[in-house]
């Protein structure tokens, strides 16, 4: 997989193995809200393992890194990160508290 220096740095900082990034590129699901982002989840890993598409060793390696998002542009990995919230939904409006009126 081709990647930017930024992506390599982020993978080192976030302890993401290059084999997991390869798996993300090959088997990640494209997000509906941003087609440059791929998502790899624990459910997707389990599905790949049960269908025999990945070996158990790769499953164990990737299991600690998911959920994982990669940003790919023209076949080049730009960055990877672990989402801290649901990234494929519309932003929710604030439900609590009052709006300020001045």
Protein backbone atom coordinates (compact mmCIF):
# COMPACT_ATOMS: atom_id res chain seq x y z
CA UNK A 1 0.00 0.00 0.00
CA UNK A 2 1.22 3.46 -0.82
CA UNK A 3 1.00 6.03 1.95
CA UNK A 4 2.13 9.52 2.77
CA UNK A 5 4.79 10.30 5.36
CA UNK A 6 1.98 11.76 7.46
CA UNK A 7 0.14 8.42 7.40
CA UNK A 8 3.31 6.53 8.42
CA UNK A 9 3.87 8.94 11.30
CA UNK A 10 0.27 8.62 12.49
CA UNK A 11 0.40 4.83 12.27
CA UNK A 12 3.54 4.80 14.42
CA UNK A 13 2.01 7.21 16.94
CA UNK A 14 -1.21 5.21 17.12
CA UNK A 15 0.46 1.77 17.06
CA UNK A 16 -1.34 0.63 13.92
CA UNK A 17 0.37 -2.22 12.09
CA UNK A 18 0.90 -1.86 8.34
CA UNK A 19 -0.83 -5.22 7.75
CA UNK A 20 -3.94 -3.82 9.41
CA UNK A 21 -3.76 -0.73 7.16
CA UNK A 22 -3.54 -3.06 4.14
CA UNK A 23 -6.60 -4.92 5.40
CA UNK A 24 -8.40 -1.60 5.86
CA UNK A 25 -7.68 -0.67 2.25
CA UNK A 26 -8.81 -4.04 0.87
CA UNK A 27 -11.77 -4.83 3.11
CA UNK A 28 -12.85 -1.52 4.67
CA UNK A 29 -16.35 -0.22 4.04
CA UNK A 30 -16.71 3.14 2.31
CA UNK A 31 -18.61 5.68 4.38
CA UNK A 32 -21.76 7.11 2.84
CA UNK A 33 -21.08 10.65 4.03
CA UNK A 34 -17.45 10.77 2.87
CA UNK A 35 -16.36 8.39 0.13
CA UNK A 36 -12.65 9.02 0.79
CA UNK A 37 -12.95 7.34 4.20
CA UNK A 38 -12.91 3.61 4.81
CA UNK A 39 -14.08 2.03 8.04
CA UNK A 40 -13.00 -1.29 9.51
CA UNK A 41 -15.08 -2.53 12.45
CA UNK A 42 -14.96 -5.51 14.78
CA UNK A 43 -18.11 -6.86 13.12
CA UNK A 44 -16.49 -6.65 9.70
CA UNK A 45 -13.40 -8.45 11.03
CA UNK A 46 -15.55 -11.23 12.47
CA UNK A 47 -17.34 -11.60 9.16
CA UNK A 48 -14.04 -11.80 7.26
CA UNK A 49 -12.73 -14.42 9.70
CA UNK A 50 -15.87 -16.56 9.52
CA UNK A 51 -15.80 -16.51 5.71
CA UNK A 52 -12.12 -17.50 5.69
CA UNK A 53 -10.93 -14.29 4.03
CA UNK A 54 -8.38 -13.57 6.79
CA UNK A 55 -6.31 -15.77 9.07
CA UNK A 56 -6.81 -15.89 12.81
CA UNK A 57 -3.40 -14.22 13.40
CA UNK A 58 -4.38 -11.18 11.35
CA UNK A 59 -7.76 -11.09 13.11
CA UNK A 60 -6.03 -10.95 16.52
CA UNK A 61 -3.64 -8.25 15.31
CA UNK A 62 -6.43 -6.11 13.84
CA UNK A 63 -8.83 -6.70 16.72
CA UNK A 64 -6.97 -4.28 18.99
CA UNK A 65 -6.93 -1.55 16.31
CA UNK A 66 -10.61 -1.45 15.38
CA UNK A 67 -12.71 0.54 14.85
CA UNK A 68 -10.29 2.12 12.42
CA UNK A 69 -10.77 4.77 9.76
CA UNK A 70 -8.44 5.44 6.86
CA UNK A 71 -8.54 8.37 4.47
CA UNK A 72 -7.58 7.33 0.93
CA UNK A 73 -7.18 9.70 -1.95
CA UNK A 74 -6.35 8.34 -5.40
CA UNK A 75 -5.07 5.07 -3.92
CA UNK A 76 -2.79 6.84 -1.43
CA UNK A 77 -3.35 6.48 2.32
CA UNK A 78 -3.43 9.99 3.77
CA UNK A 79 -4.03 9.19 7.45
CA UNK A 80 -5.54 6.67 9.85
CA UNK A 81 -7.37 7.19 13.12
CA UNK A 82 -9.73 5.57 15.57
CA UNK A 83 -13.09 7.35 15.64
CA UNK A 84 -14.23 8.70 18.98
CA UNK A 85 -17.87 8.98 17.94
CA UNK A 86 -20.20 7.76 15.23
CA UNK A 87 -18.71 9.18 12.07
CA UNK A 88 -21.26 8.09 9.48
CA UNK A 89 -24.29 9.92 10.82
CA UNK A 90 -25.62 13.42 10.46
CA UNK A 91 -24.59 15.78 13.23
CA UNK A 92 -27.12 15.76 16.05
CA UNK A 93 -28.66 18.92 17.32
CA UNK A 94 -28.09 19.85 20.91
CA UNK A 95 -30.99 18.50 22.96
CA UNK A 96 -30.09 19.62 26.44
CA UNK A 97 -29.97 23.08 27.86
CA UNK A 98 -31.48 26.27 26.68
CA UNK A 99 -30.44 28.35 23.78
CA UNK A 100 -29.01 31.67 24.83
CA UNK A 101 -30.93 34.80 23.98
CA UNK A 102 -29.21 38.13 24.40
